[in-house]
């Protein structure tokens, strides 16, 4: 089905290196920030390497593409949901800090 030179124009070795680097980067980001979308992206990047098992297997080729696509969609959804929650929590914390500052000033007067 696919010649590896046309499937991976950069070369298989470079693709494997880029996937490993990206997977390690997203895993490190997850460990640093504890945001789940980074872990999902690390899994999606690592799953891309499944194509190398048998590039001529159409089921594996398209199944891996669907899996990676679904994981990336899940990553964006999870990131958007948690990002919105983080923004609300940050806004509430800022409002509480402002209220505490105003209460502190009014108590002194």
N, C-alpha and C. Protein backbone atom coordinates (compact mmCIF):
# COMPACT_ATOMS: atom_id res chain seq x y z
N UNK A 1 0.82 -1.19 0.00
CA UNK A 1 0.00 0.00 0.00
C UNK A 1 0.87 1.25 0.00
N UNK A 2 1.71 1.42 1.00
CA UNK A 2 2.50 2.64 1.15
C UNK A 2 3.98 2.33 1.12
N UNK A 3 4.69 3.11 0.35
CA UNK A 3 6.14 3.07 0.41
C UNK A 3 6.54 3.96 1.59
N UNK A 4 7.45 3.51 2.43
CA UNK A 4 7.80 4.29 3.62
C UNK A 4 8.37 5.66 3.26
N UNK A 5 8.97 5.81 2.08
CA UNK A 5 9.51 7.11 1.70
C UNK A 5 8.40 8.11 1.38
N UNK A 6 7.27 7.63 0.88
CA UNK A 6 6.16 8.55 0.60
C UNK A 6 5.28 8.72 1.84
N UNK A 7 5.23 7.69 2.68
CA UNK A 7 4.43 7.80 3.90
C UNK A 7 5.10 8.75 4.89
N UNK A 8 6.42 8.67 5.00
CA UNK A 8 7.19 9.52 5.89
C UNK A 8 8.24 10.27 5.08
N UNK A 9 7.90 11.41 4.51
CA UNK A 9 8.86 12.11 3.65
C UNK A 9 10.13 12.56 4.36
N UNK A 10 10.09 12.74 5.66
CA UNK A 10 11.29 13.14 6.39
C UNK A 10 12.21 11.96 6.69
N UNK A 11 11.74 10.78 6.52
CA UNK A 11 12.50 9.60 6.87
C UNK A 11 11.99 9.02 8.17
N UNK A 12 11.97 7.72 8.25
CA UNK A 12 11.41 7.03 9.41
C UNK A 12 12.18 7.37 10.68
N UNK A 13 13.49 7.44 10.59
CA UNK A 13 14.30 7.72 11.77
C UNK A 13 13.97 9.09 12.36
N UNK A 14 13.83 10.08 11.50
CA UNK A 14 13.50 11.42 11.99
C UNK A 14 12.10 11.47 12.57
N UNK A 15 11.17 10.78 11.95
CA UNK A 15 9.80 10.76 12.46
C UNK A 15 9.76 10.11 13.84
N UNK A 16 10.47 9.01 14.00
CA UNK A 16 10.51 8.34 15.30
C UNK A 16 11.12 9.26 16.35
N UNK A 17 12.20 9.93 16.01
CA UNK A 17 12.85 10.87 16.94
C UNK A 17 11.91 12.01 17.31
N UNK A 18 11.23 12.59 16.33
CA UNK A 18 10.29 13.67 16.61
C UNK A 18 9.14 13.20 17.49
N UNK A 19 8.63 12.00 17.24
CA UNK A 19 7.54 11.47 18.06
C UNK A 19 7.99 11.22 19.49
N UNK A 20 9.18 10.69 19.65
CA UNK A 20 9.69 10.45 21.01
C UNK A 20 9.89 11.77 21.74
N UNK A 21 10.48 12.75 21.07
CA UNK A 21 10.70 14.06 21.69
C UNK A 21 9.37 14.70 22.08
N UNK A 22 8.39 14.65 21.16
CA UNK A 22 7.09 15.25 21.45
C UNK A 22 6.39 14.53 22.60
N UNK A 23 6.47 13.21 22.61
CA UNK A 23 5.85 12.44 23.69
C UNK A 23 6.48 12.80 25.03
N UNK A 24 7.80 12.87 25.07
CA UNK A 24 8.49 13.23 26.32
C UNK A 24 8.16 14.66 26.74
N UNK A 25 8.05 15.57 25.77
CA UNK A 25 7.70 16.95 26.07
C UNK A 25 6.31 17.04 26.69
N UNK A 26 5.32 16.39 26.07
CA UNK A 26 3.96 16.44 26.60
C UNK A 26 3.86 15.73 27.95
N UNK A 27 4.60 14.64 28.14
CA UNK A 27 4.60 13.95 29.43
C UNK A 27 5.21 14.85 30.51
N UNK A 28 6.29 15.56 30.17
CA UNK A 28 6.90 16.48 31.13
C UNK A 28 5.96 17.63 31.45
N UNK A 29 5.25 18.13 30.44
CA UNK A 29 4.28 19.19 30.69
C UNK A 29 3.17 18.70 31.61
N UNK A 30 2.74 17.45 31.43
CA UNK A 30 1.71 16.90 32.32
C UNK A 30 2.24 16.82 33.75
N UNK A 31 3.46 16.34 33.91
CA UNK A 31 4.02 16.23 35.25
C UNK A 31 4.19 17.61 35.90
N UNK A 32 4.50 18.62 35.09
CA UNK A 32 4.70 19.97 35.60
C UNK A 32 3.39 20.66 35.94
N UNK A 33 2.39 20.55 35.05
CA UNK A 33 1.16 21.32 35.21
C UNK A 33 -0.03 20.50 35.71
N UNK A 34 0.05 19.19 35.60
CA UNK A 34 -1.06 18.28 35.96
C UNK A 34 -2.33 18.57 35.16
N UNK A 35 -2.17 18.98 33.92
CA UNK A 35 -3.31 19.20 33.03
C UNK A 35 -3.44 18.00 32.11
N UNK A 36 -4.62 17.43 32.10
CA UNK A 36 -4.84 16.16 31.43
C UNK A 36 -4.69 16.23 29.93
N UNK A 37 -4.92 17.38 29.32
CA UNK A 37 -4.80 17.43 27.86
C UNK A 37 -3.36 17.19 27.40
N UNK A 38 -2.38 17.48 28.25
CA UNK A 38 -0.99 17.19 27.89
C UNK A 38 -0.75 15.68 27.86
N UNK A 39 -1.32 14.95 28.80
CA UNK A 39 -1.15 13.50 28.82
C UNK A 39 -1.85 12.86 27.63
N UNK A 40 -3.02 13.38 27.27
CA UNK A 40 -3.74 12.84 26.10
C UNK A 40 -2.93 13.09 24.83
N UNK A 41 -2.32 14.26 24.72
CA UNK A 41 -1.50 14.56 23.54
C UNK A 41 -0.25 13.68 23.50
N UNK A 42 0.31 13.37 24.67
CA UNK A 42 1.46 12.46 24.70
C UNK A 42 1.06 11.08 24.19
N UNK A 43 -0.11 10.62 24.60
CA UNK A 43 -0.60 9.32 24.14
C UNK A 43 -0.87 9.33 22.64
N UNK A 44 -1.45 10.42 22.14
CA UNK A 44 -1.73 10.53 20.70
C UNK A 44 -0.44 10.51 19.89
N UNK A 45 0.56 11.21 20.38
CA UNK A 45 1.84 11.26 19.67
C UNK A 45 2.50 9.89 19.66
N UNK A 46 2.44 9.19 20.79
CA UNK A 46 3.03 7.86 20.86
C UNK A 46 2.26 6.87 19.99
N UNK A 47 0.94 7.01 19.92
CA UNK A 47 0.14 6.10 19.11
C UNK A 47 0.45 6.23 17.63
N UNK A 48 0.92 7.39 17.22
CA UNK A 48 1.27 7.58 15.82
C UNK A 48 2.31 6.56 15.36
N UNK A 49 3.16 6.13 16.27
CA UNK A 49 4.21 5.17 15.92
C UNK A 49 3.68 3.78 15.62
N UNK A 50 2.41 3.53 15.92
CA UNK A 50 1.82 2.22 15.62
C UNK A 50 1.82 1.94 14.12
N UNK A 51 1.82 2.97 13.31
CA UNK A 51 1.83 2.79 11.86
C UNK A 51 3.11 2.07 11.42
N UNK A 52 4.17 2.24 12.16
CA UNK A 52 5.45 1.62 11.78
C UNK A 52 5.46 0.11 11.97
N UNK A 53 4.51 -0.43 12.71
CA UNK A 53 4.46 -1.88 12.92
C UNK A 53 4.31 -2.60 11.58
N UNK A 54 3.35 -2.13 10.79
CA UNK A 54 3.13 -2.70 9.46
C UNK A 54 2.51 -1.62 8.58
N UNK A 55 3.32 -0.85 7.86
CA UNK A 55 2.78 0.26 7.06
C UNK A 55 1.84 -0.18 5.94
N UNK A 56 1.89 -1.45 5.54
CA UNK A 56 1.04 -1.93 4.46
C UNK A 56 -0.33 -2.42 4.94
N UNK A 57 -0.51 -2.51 6.25
CA UNK A 57 -1.78 -2.96 6.81
C UNK A 57 -2.76 -1.79 6.84
N UNK A 58 -3.79 -1.86 5.98
CA UNK A 58 -4.75 -0.75 5.88
C UNK A 58 -5.54 -0.56 7.16
N UNK A 59 -5.91 -1.65 7.82
CA UNK A 59 -6.69 -1.55 9.05
C UNK A 59 -5.87 -0.85 10.13
N UNK A 60 -4.63 -1.23 10.28
CA UNK A 60 -3.76 -0.58 11.26
C UNK A 60 -3.51 0.88 10.89
N UNK A 61 -3.30 1.13 9.60
CA UNK A 61 -3.02 2.49 9.13
C UNK A 61 -4.19 3.42 9.42
N UNK A 62 -5.39 3.04 8.99
CA UNK A 62 -6.55 3.90 9.19
C UNK A 62 -7.04 3.88 10.64
N UNK A 63 -6.91 2.75 11.30
CA UNK A 63 -7.29 2.67 12.71
C UNK A 63 -6.43 3.58 13.57
N UNK A 64 -5.13 3.61 13.28
CA UNK A 64 -4.23 4.50 14.00
C UNK A 64 -4.58 5.96 13.72
N UNK A 65 -4.90 6.27 12.48
CA UNK A 65 -5.29 7.64 12.14
C UNK A 65 -6.55 8.07 12.87
N UNK A 66 -7.52 7.17 12.93
CA UNK A 66 -8.77 7.49 13.65
C UNK A 66 -8.49 7.65 15.14
N UNK A 67 -7.69 6.74 15.71
CA UNK A 67 -7.36 6.82 17.13
C UNK A 67 -6.64 8.12 17.46
N UNK A 68 -5.65 8.48 16.67
CA UNK A 68 -4.91 9.71 16.91
C UNK A 68 -5.83 10.92 16.76
N UNK A 69 -6.69 10.90 15.75
CA UNK A 69 -7.64 11.99 15.56
C UNK A 69 -8.58 12.14 16.73
N UNK A 70 -9.11 11.03 17.22
CA UNK A 70 -10.02 11.08 18.38
C UNK A 70 -9.31 11.57 19.63
N UNK A 71 -8.07 11.12 19.82
CA UNK A 71 -7.31 11.58 20.98
C UNK A 71 -7.01 13.07 20.91
N UNK A 72 -6.72 13.57 19.72
CA UNK A 72 -6.46 15.01 19.59
C UNK A 72 -7.73 15.83 19.83
N UNK A 73 -8.87 15.34 19.33
CA UNK A 73 -10.14 16.02 19.60
C UNK A 73 -10.42 16.01 21.09
N UNK A 74 -10.21 14.86 21.74
CA UNK A 74 -10.42 14.77 23.19
C UNK A 74 -9.49 15.73 23.93
N UNK A 75 -8.26 15.85 23.46
CA UNK A 75 -7.30 16.76 24.07
C UNK A 75 -7.78 18.20 24.00
N UNK A 76 -8.29 18.61 22.83
CA UNK A 76 -8.77 19.98 22.68
C UNK A 76 -10.01 20.24 23.54
N UNK A 77 -10.90 19.25 23.62
CA UNK A 77 -12.11 19.41 24.44
C UNK A 77 -11.75 19.50 25.91
N UNK A 78 -10.90 18.59 26.37
CA UNK A 78 -10.48 18.60 27.77
C UNK A 78 -9.75 19.90 28.10
N UNK A 79 -8.88 20.34 27.21
CA UNK A 79 -8.16 21.60 27.43
C UNK A 79 -9.10 22.79 27.50
N UNK A 80 -10.12 22.81 26.65
CA UNK A 80 -11.07 23.92 26.66
C UNK A 80 -11.91 23.91 27.92
N UNK A 81 -12.36 22.73 28.35
CA UNK A 81 -13.19 22.63 29.55
C UNK A 81 -12.40 23.04 30.79
N UNK A 82 -11.20 22.48 30.93
CA UNK A 82 -10.39 22.83 32.10
C UNK A 82 -9.90 24.26 32.03
N UNK A 83 -9.64 24.78 30.83
CA UNK A 83 -9.23 26.17 30.69
C UNK A 83 -10.32 27.11 31.15
N UNK A 84 -11.55 26.78 30.81
CA UNK A 84 -12.68 27.61 31.24
C UNK A 84 -12.84 27.54 32.76
N UNK A 85 -12.69 26.34 33.32
CA UNK A 85 -12.79 26.20 34.78
C UNK A 85 -11.66 26.97 35.47
N UNK A 86 -10.45 26.90 34.91
CA UNK A 86 -9.33 27.63 35.50
C UNK A 86 -9.57 29.13 35.45
N UNK A 87 -10.13 29.61 34.35
CA UNK A 87 -10.40 31.05 34.22
C UNK A 87 -11.44 31.50 35.24
N UNK A 88 -12.48 30.68 35.46
CA UNK A 88 -13.50 31.03 36.45
C UNK A 88 -12.91 31.03 37.86
N UNK A 89 -12.08 30.04 38.17
CA UNK A 89 -11.46 29.96 39.49
C UNK A 89 -10.51 31.14 39.71
N UNK A 90 -9.78 31.51 38.67
CA UNK A 90 -8.86 32.65 38.78
C UNK A 90 -9.64 33.95 38.99
N UNK A 91 -10.75 34.10 38.30
CA UNK A 91 -11.57 35.29 38.45
C UNK A 91 -12.17 35.37 39.85
N UNK A 92 -12.63 34.22 40.38
CA UNK A 92 -13.19 34.18 41.72
C UNK A 92 -12.12 34.50 42.77
N UNK A 93 -10.91 33.98 42.58
CA UNK A 93 -9.82 34.25 43.52
C UNK A 93 -9.44 35.73 43.50
N UNK A 94 -9.45 36.33 42.31
CA UNK A 94 -9.13 37.75 42.20
C UNK A 94 -10.19 38.59 42.88
N UNK A 95 -11.47 38.22 42.70
CA UNK A 95 -12.56 38.95 43.35
C UNK A 95 -12.47 38.82 44.86
N UNK A 96 -12.12 37.63 45.35
CA UNK A 96 -11.99 37.43 46.79
C UNK A 96 -10.83 38.24 47.35
N UNK A 97 -9.74 38.32 46.60
CA UNK A 97 -8.59 39.10 47.05
C UNK A 97 -8.93 40.59 47.09
N UNK A 98 -9.67 41.06 46.10
CA UNK A 98 -10.09 42.46 46.09
C UNK A 98 -11.04 42.76 47.25
N UNK A 99 -11.95 41.83 47.51
CA UNK A 99 -12.89 42.01 48.62
C UNK A 99 -12.15 42.03 49.95
N UNK A 100 -11.17 41.18 50.10
CA UNK A 100 -10.38 41.14 51.33
C UNK A 100 -9.58 42.43 51.49
N UNK A 101 -9.06 42.93 50.37
CA UNK A 101 -8.30 44.18 50.44
C UNK A 101 -9.21 45.35 50.82
N UNK A 102 -10.41 45.37 50.28
CA UNK A 102 -11.34 46.44 50.62
C UNK A 102 -11.80 46.33 52.08
N UNK A 103 -12.02 45.14 52.56
CA UNK A 103 -12.41 44.95 53.96
C UNK A 103 -11.28 45.36 54.89
N UNK A 104 -10.07 45.13 54.50
CA UNK A 104 -8.91 45.52 55.31
C UNK A 104 -8.79 47.03 55.41
N UNK A 105 -9.05 47.72 54.30
CA UNK A 105 -8.97 49.18 54.30
C UNK A 105 -10.13 49.79 55.10
N UNK A 106 -11.32 49.21 55.00
CA UNK A 106 -12.47 49.77 55.70
C UNK A 106 -12.38 49.51 57.21
N UNK A 107 -11.70 48.46 57.61
CA UNK A 107 -11.53 48.16 59.02
C UNK A 107 -10.57 49.15 59.68
N UNK A 108 -9.58 49.65 58.90
CA UNK A 108 -8.61 50.61 59.42
C UNK A 108 -9.24 51.99 59.62
N UNK A 109 -10.24 52.33 58.82
CA UNK A 109 -10.83 53.68 58.87
C UNK A 109 -11.73 53.90 60.04
